[in-house]
């Protein structure tokens, strides 16, 4: 049995899309140990199960095609709405393109800044290599997801909360309210020396893979 790789080494392999794993113990014990390692590295449950699917030969649980789709105009509209500004379609599109290029510059071109967005990198590389992602984000028709929210919430100092319709969450299929499922940039809801508190942008995740603005 070879020497166990360090957490840092595994993280680098995950970032580069070259991580490989093999079973070296009974499944239950192996998965528990593997999960504890990923938790220590602050890797999400989604990333854990994607890695497990590859590890034991299940069909991939989360692929590029199945990713949640976020049109970057949604957070743009949300931030403008909170300021009492109504954007026309051209302004929304231009601002969304600016955000897309800002994310691309951080994650694809600036190594120093990229290291500050570790969670976003992990979110990307459970689906594809960073190289493939950087090729996709160049396109004007790019759709984002969790990784872009992780970057934009920090870059714009903007808190974002994602909800799902109650009827999609309930096993009984009823309910007219909304349930929060994810929160980004919570630290910016409070005023600090660096700036005033920010109003939250609310997004609705529905239809299995699509985000909309919730107002």
N, C-alpha and C. Protein backbone atom coordinates (compact mmCIF):
# COMPACT_ATOMS: atom_id res chain seq x y z
N UNK A 1 0.85 -1.20 0.00
CA UNK A 1 0.00 0.00 0.00
C UNK A 1 0.87 1.24 0.00
N UNK A 2 0.62 2.16 -0.92
CA UNK A 2 1.43 3.36 -1.01
C UNK A 2 1.13 4.34 0.10
N UNK A 3 1.96 5.36 0.19
CA UNK A 3 1.77 6.38 1.20
C UNK A 3 0.50 7.18 0.92
N UNK A 4 -0.26 7.45 1.97
CA UNK A 4 -1.52 8.19 1.81
C UNK A 4 -1.22 9.63 1.41
N UNK A 5 -1.86 10.14 0.33
CA UNK A 5 -1.60 11.52 -0.10
C UNK A 5 -2.14 12.52 0.92
N UNK A 6 -1.51 13.67 0.97
CA UNK A 6 -1.96 14.72 1.89
C UNK A 6 -3.25 15.34 1.38
N UNK A 7 -3.97 16.00 2.28
CA UNK A 7 -5.20 16.70 1.88
C UNK A 7 -4.91 17.74 0.80
N UNK A 8 -3.77 18.43 0.93
CA UNK A 8 -3.41 19.46 -0.04
C UNK A 8 -3.21 18.85 -1.42
N UNK A 9 -2.58 17.68 -1.46
CA UNK A 9 -2.33 17.01 -2.73
C UNK A 9 -3.65 16.58 -3.38
N UNK A 10 -4.57 16.03 -2.57
CA UNK A 10 -5.87 15.60 -3.11
C UNK A 10 -6.64 16.80 -3.63
N UNK A 11 -6.59 17.92 -2.89
CA UNK A 11 -7.30 19.12 -3.32
C UNK A 11 -6.78 19.63 -4.65
N UNK A 12 -5.46 19.61 -4.84
CA UNK A 12 -4.88 20.04 -6.10
C UNK A 12 -5.33 19.14 -7.24
N UNK A 13 -5.41 17.82 -6.97
CA UNK A 13 -5.87 16.89 -8.01
C UNK A 13 -7.33 17.15 -8.37
N UNK A 14 -8.15 17.45 -7.35
CA UNK A 14 -9.55 17.76 -7.61
C UNK A 14 -9.68 19.03 -8.45
N UNK A 15 -8.89 20.05 -8.12
CA UNK A 15 -8.93 21.31 -8.87
C UNK A 15 -8.58 21.08 -10.33
N UNK A 16 -7.60 20.20 -10.58
CA UNK A 16 -7.12 19.98 -11.94
C UNK A 16 -7.90 18.90 -12.67
N UNK A 17 -8.87 18.29 -11.99
CA UNK A 17 -9.70 17.27 -12.63
C UNK A 17 -8.97 15.97 -12.90
N UNK A 18 -7.92 15.66 -12.11
CA UNK A 18 -7.15 14.45 -12.36
C UNK A 18 -7.17 13.50 -11.17
N UNK A 19 -8.03 13.77 -10.18
CA UNK A 19 -8.09 12.93 -8.98
C UNK A 19 -8.57 11.52 -9.34
N UNK A 20 -7.94 10.52 -8.76
CA UNK A 20 -8.35 9.12 -8.95
C UNK A 20 -8.41 8.46 -7.58
N UNK A 21 -9.41 7.58 -7.40
CA UNK A 21 -9.56 6.91 -6.11
C UNK A 21 -9.78 5.42 -6.36
N UNK A 22 -9.45 4.61 -5.37
CA UNK A 22 -9.71 3.18 -5.44
C UNK A 22 -10.10 2.68 -4.06
N UNK A 23 -10.95 1.64 -4.03
CA UNK A 23 -11.38 1.07 -2.76
C UNK A 23 -10.24 0.28 -2.13
N UNK A 24 -9.95 0.58 -0.86
CA UNK A 24 -8.89 -0.15 -0.16
C UNK A 24 -9.41 -0.72 1.14
N UNK A 25 -10.74 -0.61 1.37
CA UNK A 25 -11.34 -1.12 2.59
C UNK A 25 -12.80 -1.44 2.29
N UNK A 26 -13.51 -2.16 3.19
CA UNK A 26 -14.94 -2.40 2.98
C UNK A 26 -15.66 -1.10 2.72
N UNK A 27 -16.69 -1.07 1.83
CA UNK A 27 -17.34 0.17 1.40
C UNK A 27 -17.78 1.10 2.51
N UNK A 28 -18.47 0.60 3.53
CA UNK A 28 -19.00 1.48 4.58
C UNK A 28 -17.88 2.23 5.29
N UNK A 29 -16.81 1.49 5.65
CA UNK A 29 -15.70 2.13 6.35
C UNK A 29 -14.96 3.08 5.42
N UNK A 30 -14.82 2.67 4.16
CA UNK A 30 -14.12 3.51 3.19
C UNK A 30 -14.86 4.82 2.96
N UNK A 31 -16.18 4.74 2.77
CA UNK A 31 -16.96 5.94 2.51
C UNK A 31 -16.95 6.88 3.71
N UNK A 32 -17.02 6.32 4.91
CA UNK A 32 -17.00 7.15 6.11
C UNK A 32 -15.68 7.89 6.23
N UNK A 33 -14.59 7.17 5.98
CA UNK A 33 -13.26 7.79 6.06
C UNK A 33 -13.10 8.86 4.99
N UNK A 34 -13.57 8.53 3.77
CA UNK A 34 -13.47 9.47 2.65
C UNK A 34 -14.29 10.72 2.91
N UNK A 35 -15.51 10.52 3.46
CA UNK A 35 -16.38 11.66 3.76
C UNK A 35 -15.74 12.57 4.80
N UNK A 36 -15.14 11.96 5.84
CA UNK A 36 -14.49 12.76 6.88
C UNK A 36 -13.34 13.58 6.31
N UNK A 37 -12.60 12.99 5.36
CA UNK A 37 -11.50 13.72 4.75
C UNK A 37 -12.03 14.91 3.95
N UNK A 38 -13.09 14.70 3.16
CA UNK A 38 -13.64 15.79 2.37
C UNK A 38 -14.24 16.87 3.25
N UNK A 39 -14.88 16.47 4.36
CA UNK A 39 -15.45 17.44 5.28
C UNK A 39 -14.35 18.32 5.86
N UNK A 40 -13.22 17.71 6.22
CA UNK A 40 -12.08 18.48 6.74
C UNK A 40 -11.60 19.49 5.71
N UNK A 41 -11.72 19.11 4.43
CA UNK A 41 -11.29 20.00 3.35
C UNK A 41 -12.40 20.95 2.91
N UNK A 42 -13.52 20.94 3.62
CA UNK A 42 -14.66 21.83 3.35
C UNK A 42 -15.26 21.59 1.96
N UNK A 43 -15.34 20.33 1.57
CA UNK A 43 -15.96 19.97 0.31
C UNK A 43 -17.41 19.63 0.57
N UNK A 44 -18.31 20.10 -0.28
CA UNK A 44 -19.74 19.96 -0.06
C UNK A 44 -20.19 18.52 -0.19
N UNK A 45 -21.42 18.25 0.32
CA UNK A 45 -22.00 16.92 0.21
C UNK A 45 -22.18 16.52 -1.26
N UNK A 46 -22.53 17.51 -2.11
CA UNK A 46 -22.68 17.22 -3.54
C UNK A 46 -21.38 16.70 -4.12
N UNK A 47 -20.28 17.38 -3.79
CA UNK A 47 -18.97 16.94 -4.29
C UNK A 47 -18.65 15.55 -3.77
N UNK A 48 -19.01 15.29 -2.51
CA UNK A 48 -18.74 13.98 -1.92
C UNK A 48 -19.41 12.88 -2.72
N UNK A 49 -20.70 13.04 -3.01
CA UNK A 49 -21.43 11.97 -3.69
C UNK A 49 -21.02 11.84 -5.15
N UNK A 50 -20.62 12.95 -5.77
CA UNK A 50 -20.10 12.83 -7.14
C UNK A 50 -18.82 12.01 -7.14
N UNK A 51 -17.94 12.29 -6.16
CA UNK A 51 -16.70 11.52 -6.06
C UNK A 51 -16.99 10.05 -5.76
N UNK A 52 -17.98 9.79 -4.91
CA UNK A 52 -18.35 8.42 -4.58
C UNK A 52 -18.86 7.69 -5.82
N UNK A 53 -19.66 8.38 -6.63
CA UNK A 53 -20.20 7.75 -7.84
C UNK A 53 -19.08 7.29 -8.76
N UNK A 54 -18.04 8.14 -8.87
CA UNK A 54 -16.89 7.76 -9.69
C UNK A 54 -16.11 6.63 -9.02
N UNK A 55 -16.04 6.68 -7.69
CA UNK A 55 -15.24 5.74 -6.93
C UNK A 55 -15.76 4.31 -7.06
N UNK A 56 -17.09 4.12 -7.00
CA UNK A 56 -17.63 2.77 -6.99
C UNK A 56 -18.38 2.42 -8.27
N UNK A 57 -18.26 3.28 -9.29
CA UNK A 57 -18.79 2.92 -10.59
C UNK A 57 -20.24 3.24 -10.83
N UNK A 58 -20.89 4.05 -9.98
CA UNK A 58 -22.25 4.48 -10.26
C UNK A 58 -22.25 5.46 -11.42
N UNK A 59 -23.40 5.62 -12.11
CA UNK A 59 -23.51 6.69 -13.10
C UNK A 59 -23.29 8.03 -12.42
N UNK A 60 -22.69 8.96 -13.13
CA UNK A 60 -22.39 10.26 -12.52
C UNK A 60 -23.66 10.93 -12.01
N UNK A 61 -23.60 11.43 -10.79
CA UNK A 61 -24.78 12.04 -10.17
C UNK A 61 -24.96 13.49 -10.54
N UNK A 62 -23.91 14.12 -11.03
CA UNK A 62 -24.01 15.55 -11.34
C UNK A 62 -23.07 15.86 -12.48
N UNK A 63 -23.59 16.16 -13.64
CA UNK A 63 -22.77 16.43 -14.81
C UNK A 63 -22.95 17.86 -15.26
N UNK A 64 -22.14 18.28 -16.22
CA UNK A 64 -22.27 19.63 -16.76
C UNK A 64 -23.69 19.86 -17.28
N UNK A 65 -24.24 18.84 -17.96
CA UNK A 65 -25.55 19.00 -18.57
C UNK A 65 -26.65 19.13 -17.52
N UNK A 66 -26.43 18.58 -16.33
CA UNK A 66 -27.47 18.57 -15.30
C UNK A 66 -27.29 19.66 -14.26
N UNK A 67 -26.32 20.52 -14.45
CA UNK A 67 -26.07 21.57 -13.46
C UNK A 67 -27.23 22.54 -13.38
N UNK A 68 -27.42 23.12 -12.20
CA UNK A 68 -28.42 24.16 -12.05
C UNK A 68 -28.04 25.32 -12.96
N UNK A 69 -29.03 25.90 -13.64
CA UNK A 69 -28.75 26.93 -14.63
C UNK A 69 -29.11 28.31 -14.08
N UNK A 70 -28.12 29.15 -13.99
CA UNK A 70 -28.31 30.52 -13.51
C UNK A 70 -27.94 31.48 -14.63
N UNK A 71 -28.92 32.22 -15.11
CA UNK A 71 -28.63 33.31 -16.03
C UNK A 71 -28.10 34.46 -15.20
N UNK A 72 -26.90 34.95 -15.52
CA UNK A 72 -26.25 35.94 -14.67
C UNK A 72 -27.02 37.25 -14.62
N UNK A 73 -28.00 37.40 -15.52
CA UNK A 73 -28.87 38.57 -15.43
C UNK A 73 -29.74 38.56 -14.19
N UNK A 74 -29.95 37.38 -13.59
CA UNK A 74 -30.81 37.29 -12.40
C UNK A 74 -30.20 38.03 -11.20
N UNK A 75 -28.95 37.74 -10.81
CA UNK A 75 -28.36 38.53 -9.72
C UNK A 75 -28.20 40.00 -10.07
N UNK A 76 -27.96 40.31 -11.35
CA UNK A 76 -27.88 41.71 -11.80
C UNK A 76 -29.21 42.41 -11.54
N UNK A 77 -30.31 41.77 -11.96
CA UNK A 77 -31.63 42.36 -11.75
C UNK A 77 -31.94 42.49 -10.26
N UNK A 78 -31.52 41.49 -9.49
CA UNK A 78 -31.78 41.53 -8.05
C UNK A 78 -31.07 42.68 -7.36
N UNK A 79 -29.81 42.89 -7.71
CA UNK A 79 -29.06 43.99 -7.10
C UNK A 79 -29.63 45.34 -7.52
N UNK A 80 -30.03 45.45 -8.79
CA UNK A 80 -30.63 46.69 -9.27
C UNK A 80 -31.98 46.94 -8.60
N UNK A 81 -32.77 45.89 -8.43
CA UNK A 81 -34.07 45.99 -7.79
C UNK A 81 -33.91 46.52 -6.35
N UNK A 82 -32.91 46.01 -5.65
CA UNK A 82 -32.68 46.44 -4.27
C UNK A 82 -32.29 47.92 -4.17
N UNK A 83 -31.78 48.47 -5.26
CA UNK A 83 -31.40 49.88 -5.30
C UNK A 83 -32.50 50.75 -5.91
N UNK A 84 -33.62 50.13 -6.28
CA UNK A 84 -34.71 50.87 -6.88
C UNK A 84 -34.47 51.22 -8.33
N UNK A 85 -33.63 50.44 -9.01
CA UNK A 85 -33.29 50.71 -10.41
C UNK A 85 -33.93 49.65 -11.29
N UNK A 86 -34.56 50.08 -12.36
CA UNK A 86 -35.16 49.17 -13.34
C UNK A 86 -34.26 49.12 -14.57
N UNK A 87 -33.73 47.95 -14.87
CA UNK A 87 -32.85 47.80 -16.03
C UNK A 87 -33.65 47.41 -17.26
N UNK A 88 -33.28 47.97 -18.41
CA UNK A 88 -33.88 47.50 -19.65
C UNK A 88 -33.10 46.26 -20.11
N UNK A 89 -33.62 45.50 -21.06
CA UNK A 89 -32.95 44.26 -21.48
C UNK A 89 -31.50 44.44 -21.90
N UNK A 90 -31.20 45.54 -22.58
CA UNK A 90 -29.82 45.77 -23.02
C UNK A 90 -28.90 45.99 -21.84
N UNK A 91 -29.34 46.80 -20.87
CA UNK A 91 -28.52 47.07 -19.68
C UNK A 91 -28.31 45.79 -18.87
N UNK A 92 -29.38 45.01 -18.75
CA UNK A 92 -29.26 43.74 -18.02
C UNK A 92 -28.24 42.83 -18.68
N UNK A 93 -28.31 42.73 -20.00
CA UNK A 93 -27.40 41.86 -20.74
C UNK A 93 -25.96 42.34 -20.61
N UNK A 94 -25.74 43.65 -20.71
CA UNK A 94 -24.38 44.18 -20.62
C UNK A 94 -23.80 43.99 -19.22
N UNK A 95 -24.62 44.23 -18.19
CA UNK A 95 -24.14 44.05 -16.82
C UNK A 95 -23.85 42.58 -16.54
N UNK A 96 -24.69 41.69 -17.08
CA UNK A 96 -24.47 40.26 -16.89
C UNK A 96 -23.17 39.84 -17.58
N UNK A 97 -22.89 40.39 -18.75
CA UNK A 97 -21.63 40.08 -19.43
C UNK A 97 -20.43 40.57 -18.62
N UNK A 98 -20.57 41.74 -18.00
CA UNK A 98 -19.49 42.26 -17.15
C UNK A 98 -19.22 41.32 -15.98
N UNK A 99 -20.29 40.80 -15.37
CA UNK A 99 -20.11 39.86 -14.25
C UNK A 99 -19.46 38.56 -14.74
N UNK A 100 -19.90 38.08 -15.89
CA UNK A 100 -19.33 36.85 -16.44
C UNK A 100 -17.84 37.01 -16.67
N UNK A 101 -17.43 38.13 -17.24
CA UNK A 101 -16.01 38.35 -17.50
C UNK A 101 -15.22 38.56 -16.21
N UNK A 102 -15.87 39.14 -15.19
CA UNK A 102 -15.20 39.31 -13.90
C UNK A 102 -14.93 37.96 -13.26
N UNK A 103 -15.91 37.05 -13.34
CA UNK A 103 -15.73 35.69 -12.81
C UNK A 103 -14.63 34.98 -13.59
N UNK A 104 -14.64 35.13 -14.89
CA UNK A 104 -13.62 34.48 -15.73
C UNK A 104 -12.22 34.98 -15.38
N UNK A 105 -12.09 36.28 -15.19
CA UNK A 105 -10.78 36.83 -14.86
C UNK A 105 -10.26 36.28 -13.55
N UNK A 106 -11.15 36.16 -12.56
CA UNK A 106 -10.74 35.67 -11.25
C UNK A 106 -10.35 34.20 -11.29
N UNK A 107 -11.20 33.38 -11.90
CA UNK A 107 -11.00 31.94 -11.85
C UNK A 107 -10.06 31.40 -12.92
N UNK A 108 -9.94 32.12 -14.02
CA UNK A 108 -9.19 31.58 -15.15
C UNK A 108 -7.88 32.31 -15.44
N UNK A 109 -7.74 33.55 -14.98
CA UNK A 109 -6.58 34.32 -15.38
C UNK A 109 -5.71 34.80 -14.22
N UNK A 110 -6.28 34.90 -13.04
CA UNK A 110 -5.55 35.46 -11.91
C UNK A 110 -5.34 34.39 -10.84
N UNK A 111 -4.17 33.76 -10.86
CA UNK A 111 -3.89 32.69 -9.92
C UNK A 111 -3.95 33.11 -8.48
N UNK A 112 -3.50 34.32 -8.18
CA UNK A 112 -3.52 34.79 -6.79
C UNK A 112 -4.93 34.96 -6.27
N UNK A 113 -5.80 35.55 -7.10
CA UNK A 113 -7.19 35.72 -6.68
C UNK A 113 -7.94 34.39 -6.67
N UNK A 114 -7.61 33.53 -7.61
CA UNK A 114 -8.31 32.24 -7.72
C UNK A 114 -8.21 31.44 -6.42
N UNK A 115 -7.08 31.51 -5.77
CA UNK A 115 -6.89 30.75 -4.53
C UNK A 115 -7.82 31.20 -3.42
N UNK A 116 -8.40 32.39 -3.54
CA UNK A 116 -9.31 32.89 -2.52
C UNK A 116 -10.74 32.36 -2.72
N UNK A 117 -10.95 31.62 -3.80
CA UNK A 117 -12.29 31.13 -4.11
C UNK A 117 -12.27 29.60 -4.21
N UNK A 118 -11.74 28.99 -3.18
CA UNK A 118 -11.55 27.54 -3.16
C UNK A 118 -12.86 26.78 -3.33
N UNK A 119 -13.93 27.23 -2.65
CA UNK A 119 -15.20 26.53 -2.74
C UNK A 119 -15.76 26.56 -4.17
N UNK A 120 -15.58 27.69 -4.86
CA UNK A 120 -16.05 27.78 -6.24
C UNK A 120 -15.27 26.83 -7.14
N UNK A 121 -13.97 26.72 -6.92
CA UNK A 121 -13.15 25.81 -7.72
C UNK A 121 -13.58 24.37 -7.54
N UNK A 122 -13.88 24.01 -6.30
CA UNK A 122 -14.32 22.64 -6.03
C UNK A 122 -15.68 22.39 -6.69
N UNK A 123 -16.57 23.36 -6.62
CA UNK A 123 -17.88 23.23 -7.24
C UNK A 123 -17.77 23.01 -8.74
N UNK A 124 -16.79 23.67 -9.36
CA UNK A 124 -16.58 23.52 -10.80
C UNK A 124 -15.99 22.16 -11.14
N UNK A 125 -14.95 21.78 -10.41
CA UNK A 125 -14.15 20.62 -10.82
C UNK A 125 -14.75 19.29 -10.43
N UNK A 126 -15.89 19.27 -9.73
CA UNK A 126 -16.58 17.99 -9.57
C UNK A 126 -17.30 17.62 -10.87
N UNK A 127 -17.50 18.59 -11.75
CA UNK A 127 -18.20 18.36 -13.01
C UNK A 127 -17.26 18.30 -14.21
N UNK A 128 -16.22 19.13 -14.19
CA UNK A 128 -15.35 19.26 -15.36
C UNK A 128 -14.03 19.87 -14.93
N UNK A 129 -13.05 19.82 -15.80
CA UNK A 129 -11.77 20.43 -15.49
C UNK A 129 -11.89 21.95 -15.54
N UNK A 130 -11.01 22.62 -14.85
CA UNK A 130 -11.02 24.08 -14.87
C UNK A 130 -10.77 24.60 -16.28
N UNK A 131 -9.96 23.88 -17.05
CA UNK A 131 -9.67 24.29 -18.43
C UNK A 131 -10.95 24.30 -19.26
N UNK A 132 -11.77 23.26 -19.15
CA UNK A 132 -13.03 23.21 -19.90
C UNK A 132 -13.97 24.31 -19.45
N UNK A 133 -14.02 24.54 -18.16
CA UNK A 133 -14.89 25.60 -17.63
C UNK A 133 -14.47 26.96 -18.20
N UNK A 134 -13.18 27.21 -18.23
CA UNK A 134 -12.69 28.50 -18.71
C UNK A 134 -12.98 28.69 -20.20
N UNK A 135 -13.07 27.61 -20.93
CA UNK A 135 -13.45 27.70 -22.34
C UNK A 135 -14.94 28.02 -22.46
N UNK A 136 -15.76 27.40 -21.62
CA UNK A 136 -17.21 27.62 -21.69
C UNK A 136 -17.61 29.03 -21.29
N UNK A 137 -16.96 29.56 -20.23
CA UNK A 137 -17.38 30.85 -19.69
C UNK A 137 -17.04 32.00 -20.64
N UNK A 138 -16.24 31.75 -21.66
CA UNK A 138 -15.96 32.77 -22.67
C UNK A 138 -17.20 33.08 -23.51
N UNK A 139 -18.11 32.13 -23.59
CA UNK A 139 -19.25 32.26 -24.51
C UNK A 139 -20.33 33.17 -23.93
N UNK A 140 -20.90 34.05 -24.74
CA UNK A 140 -21.96 34.95 -24.28
C UNK A 140 -23.20 34.23 -23.79
N UNK A 141 -23.43 33.00 -24.29
CA UNK A 141 -24.62 32.24 -23.89
C UNK A 141 -24.36 31.36 -22.67
N UNK A 142 -23.29 31.64 -21.95
CA UNK A 142 -22.92 30.86 -20.77
C UNK A 142 -24.00 30.95 -19.69
N UNK A 143 -24.31 29.80 -19.09
CA UNK A 143 -25.21 29.74 -17.93
C UNK A 143 -24.40 29.29 -16.73
N UNK A 144 -24.63 29.93 -15.61
CA UNK A 144 -23.85 29.63 -14.42
C UNK A 144 -24.59 28.75 -13.43
N UNK A 145 -24.15 28.81 -12.17
CA UNK A 145 -24.72 27.99 -11.11
C UNK A 145 -24.09 28.35 -9.78
N UNK A 146 -23.89 27.35 -8.95
CA UNK A 146 -23.40 27.60 -7.60
C UNK A 146 -22.02 28.24 -7.59
N UNK A 147 -21.12 27.79 -8.46
CA UNK A 147 -19.76 28.33 -8.44
C UNK A 147 -19.75 29.83 -8.72
N UNK A 148 -20.61 30.29 -9.64
CA UNK A 148 -20.67 31.72 -9.95
C UNK A 148 -21.27 32.51 -8.79
N UNK A 149 -22.25 31.94 -8.10
CA UNK A 149 -22.82 32.61 -6.93
C UNK A 149 -21.78 32.73 -5.81
N UNK A 150 -20.95 31.72 -5.66
CA UNK A 150 -19.89 31.76 -4.65
C UNK A 150 -18.91 32.90 -4.93
N UNK A 151 -18.60 33.10 -6.22
CA UNK A 151 -17.66 34.16 -6.59
C UNK A 151 -18.33 35.53 -6.49
N UNK A 152 -19.52 35.67 -7.10
CA UNK A 152 -20.16 36.97 -7.18
C UNK A 152 -20.57 37.50 -5.81
N UNK A 153 -21.01 36.62 -4.92
CA UNK A 153 -21.41 37.09 -3.59
C UNK A 153 -20.22 37.71 -2.85
N UNK A 154 -19.04 37.14 -3.05
CA UNK A 154 -17.85 37.67 -2.40
C UNK A 154 -17.30 38.88 -3.16
N UNK A 155 -17.27 38.79 -4.46
CA UNK A 155 -16.72 39.87 -5.29
C UNK A 155 -17.55 41.15 -5.14
N UNK A 156 -18.87 41.01 -5.17
CA UNK A 156 -19.77 42.16 -5.09
C UNK A 156 -20.22 42.46 -3.66
N UNK A 157 -19.72 41.69 -2.71
CA UNK A 157 -20.14 41.84 -1.31
C UNK A 157 -21.67 41.80 -1.22
N UNK A 158 -22.24 40.80 -1.88
CA UNK A 158 -23.68 40.72 -2.04
C UNK A 158 -24.24 39.43 -1.42
N UNK A 159 -25.07 39.54 -0.39
CA UNK A 159 -25.71 38.34 0.14
C UNK A 159 -26.78 37.82 -0.81
N UNK A 160 -26.83 36.52 -0.97
CA UNK A 160 -27.80 35.87 -1.84
C UNK A 160 -28.38 34.67 -1.10
N UNK A 161 -29.70 34.52 -1.16
CA UNK A 161 -30.36 33.34 -0.60
C UNK A 161 -31.17 32.68 -1.70
N UNK A 162 -31.01 31.38 -1.83
CA UNK A 162 -31.72 30.60 -2.84
C UNK A 162 -32.84 29.81 -2.17
N UNK A 163 -34.02 29.88 -2.78
CA UNK A 163 -35.19 29.17 -2.27
C UNK A 163 -35.69 28.17 -3.31
N UNK A 164 -36.47 27.21 -2.84
CA UNK A 164 -37.23 26.35 -3.74
C UNK A 164 -38.70 26.45 -3.37
N UNK A 165 -39.61 26.22 -4.32
CA UNK A 165 -41.03 26.21 -3.99
C UNK A 165 -41.33 25.09 -3.00
N UNK A 166 -42.16 25.38 -2.03
CA UNK A 166 -42.49 24.39 -1.01
C UNK A 166 -43.07 23.12 -1.62
N UNK A 167 -43.87 23.29 -2.68
CA UNK A 167 -44.52 22.11 -3.27
C UNK A 167 -43.51 21.19 -3.94
N UNK A 168 -42.32 21.72 -4.34
CA UNK A 168 -41.29 20.86 -4.93
C UNK A 168 -40.51 20.12 -3.86
N UNK A 169 -40.49 20.68 -2.66
CA UNK A 169 -39.76 20.07 -1.56
C UNK A 169 -40.60 19.01 -0.86
N UNK A 170 -41.89 19.28 -0.71
CA UNK A 170 -42.77 18.39 0.04
C UNK A 170 -43.04 17.11 -0.74
N UNK A 171 -42.98 16.00 -0.04
CA UNK A 171 -43.27 14.71 -0.68
C UNK A 171 -44.75 14.61 -1.04
N UNK A 172 -45.58 15.42 -0.40
CA UNK A 172 -47.00 15.39 -0.69
C UNK A 172 -47.36 16.28 -1.88
N UNK A 173 -46.40 17.08 -2.33
CA UNK A 173 -46.62 17.88 -3.52
C UNK A 173 -47.53 19.06 -3.34
N UNK A 174 -47.65 19.61 -2.11
CA UNK A 174 -48.48 20.79 -1.90
C UNK A 174 -47.74 21.79 -1.05
N UNK A 175 -48.29 23.00 -1.00
CA UNK A 175 -47.65 24.08 -0.27
C UNK A 175 -47.36 25.23 -1.21
N UNK A 176 -47.65 26.46 -0.76
CA UNK A 176 -47.50 27.62 -1.64
C UNK A 176 -46.37 28.55 -1.21
N UNK A 177 -45.60 28.16 -0.21
CA UNK A 177 -44.52 29.01 0.27
C UNK A 177 -43.19 28.66 -0.37
N UNK A 178 -42.11 29.15 0.24
CA UNK A 178 -40.77 28.91 -0.28
C UNK A 178 -39.85 28.49 0.87
N UNK A 179 -38.89 27.63 0.55
CA UNK A 179 -37.98 27.09 1.55
C UNK A 179 -36.54 27.43 1.16
N UNK A 180 -35.76 28.07 2.06
CA UNK A 180 -34.37 28.38 1.73
C UNK A 180 -33.52 27.12 1.67
N UNK A 181 -32.67 27.01 0.66
CA UNK A 181 -31.82 25.83 0.51
C UNK A 181 -30.33 26.17 0.45
N UNK A 182 -29.99 27.43 0.19
CA UNK A 182 -28.58 27.81 0.11
C UNK A 182 -28.43 29.30 0.39
N UNK A 183 -27.31 29.66 0.99
CA UNK A 183 -27.05 31.06 1.32
C UNK A 183 -25.60 31.39 1.00
N UNK A 184 -25.40 32.53 0.36
CA UNK A 184 -24.07 32.97 -0.04
C UNK A 184 -23.86 34.40 0.46
N UNK A 185 -22.64 34.71 0.90
CA UNK A 185 -22.31 36.07 1.31
C UNK A 185 -23.08 36.56 2.52
N UNK A 186 -23.40 35.66 3.45
CA UNK A 186 -24.18 36.05 4.63
C UNK A 186 -23.47 37.12 5.45
N UNK A 187 -22.15 37.12 5.40
CA UNK A 187 -21.39 38.10 6.20
C UNK A 187 -21.62 39.53 5.76
N UNK A 188 -22.14 39.72 4.54
CA UNK A 188 -22.34 41.08 4.05
C UNK A 188 -23.73 41.64 4.39
N UNK A 189 -24.51 40.88 5.13
CA UNK A 189 -25.81 41.38 5.58
C UNK A 189 -25.65 42.34 6.76
N UNK A 190 -24.47 42.34 7.36
CA UNK A 190 -24.21 43.22 8.50
C UNK A 190 -23.24 44.32 8.10
N UNK A 191 -23.49 45.51 8.62
CA UNK A 191 -22.60 46.64 8.33
C UNK A 191 -21.23 46.40 8.96
N UNK A 192 -20.20 46.89 8.30
CA UNK A 192 -18.84 46.76 8.81
C UNK A 192 -18.04 48.00 8.42
N UNK A 193 -16.79 48.02 8.83
CA UNK A 193 -15.93 49.16 8.48
C UNK A 193 -15.71 49.25 6.97
N UNK A 194 -15.85 48.11 6.30
CA UNK A 194 -15.61 48.08 4.85
C UNK A 194 -16.82 48.54 4.04
N UNK A 195 -17.97 48.66 4.68
CA UNK A 195 -19.14 49.09 3.92
C UNK A 195 -20.44 48.86 4.66
N UNK A 196 -21.52 49.38 4.09
CA UNK A 196 -22.84 49.22 4.68
C UNK A 196 -23.35 47.81 4.44
N UNK A 197 -24.38 47.45 5.23
CA UNK A 197 -25.00 46.15 5.01
C UNK A 197 -25.73 46.15 3.66
N UNK A 198 -25.82 45.01 3.06
CA UNK A 198 -26.45 44.89 1.75
C UNK A 198 -27.78 44.15 1.86
N UNK A 199 -28.75 44.60 1.08
CA UNK A 199 -30.01 43.88 1.00
C UNK A 199 -29.78 42.55 0.28
N UNK A 200 -30.51 41.55 0.72
CA UNK A 200 -30.35 40.21 0.15
C UNK A 200 -31.01 40.13 -1.22
N UNK A 201 -30.34 39.45 -2.15
CA UNK A 201 -30.96 39.09 -3.43
C UNK A 201 -31.55 37.69 -3.25
N UNK A 202 -32.83 37.57 -3.52
CA UNK A 202 -33.52 36.29 -3.38
C UNK A 202 -33.68 35.64 -4.75
N UNK A 203 -33.23 34.41 -4.86
CA UNK A 203 -33.37 33.65 -6.10
C UNK A 203 -34.24 32.42 -5.85
N UNK A 204 -35.04 32.09 -6.83
CA UNK A 204 -35.90 30.92 -6.75
C UNK A 204 -35.36 29.83 -7.67
N UNK A 205 -35.07 28.68 -7.09
CA UNK A 205 -34.58 27.54 -7.86
C UNK A 205 -35.77 26.60 -8.09
N UNK A 206 -36.13 26.43 -9.34
CA UNK A 206 -37.31 25.62 -9.64
C UNK A 206 -37.13 24.90 -10.96
N UNK A 207 -38.06 24.03 -11.24
CA UNK A 207 -37.99 23.29 -12.50
C UNK A 207 -36.80 22.38 -12.59
N UNK A 208 -36.26 21.98 -11.43
CA UNK A 208 -35.15 21.05 -11.31
C UNK A 208 -33.78 21.63 -11.64
N UNK A 209 -33.66 22.60 -12.52
CA UNK A 209 -32.31 23.09 -12.82
C UNK A 209 -32.31 24.55 -13.28
N UNK A 210 -33.23 25.37 -12.79
CA UNK A 210 -33.32 26.73 -13.30
C UNK A 210 -33.54 27.73 -12.17
N UNK A 211 -32.85 28.88 -12.24
CA UNK A 211 -32.99 29.96 -11.25
C UNK A 211 -33.80 31.10 -11.84
N UNK A 212 -34.62 31.75 -10.99
CA UNK A 212 -35.31 32.96 -11.33
C UNK A 212 -35.20 33.94 -10.17
N UNK A 213 -35.46 35.20 -10.43
CA UNK A 213 -35.45 36.21 -9.37
C UNK A 213 -36.74 36.10 -8.56
N UNK A 214 -36.60 36.12 -7.24
CA UNK A 214 -37.75 36.07 -6.35
C UNK A 214 -37.92 37.44 -5.70
N UNK A 215 -39.03 38.11 -5.98
CA UNK A 215 -39.27 39.46 -5.42
C UNK A 215 -40.62 39.48 -4.75
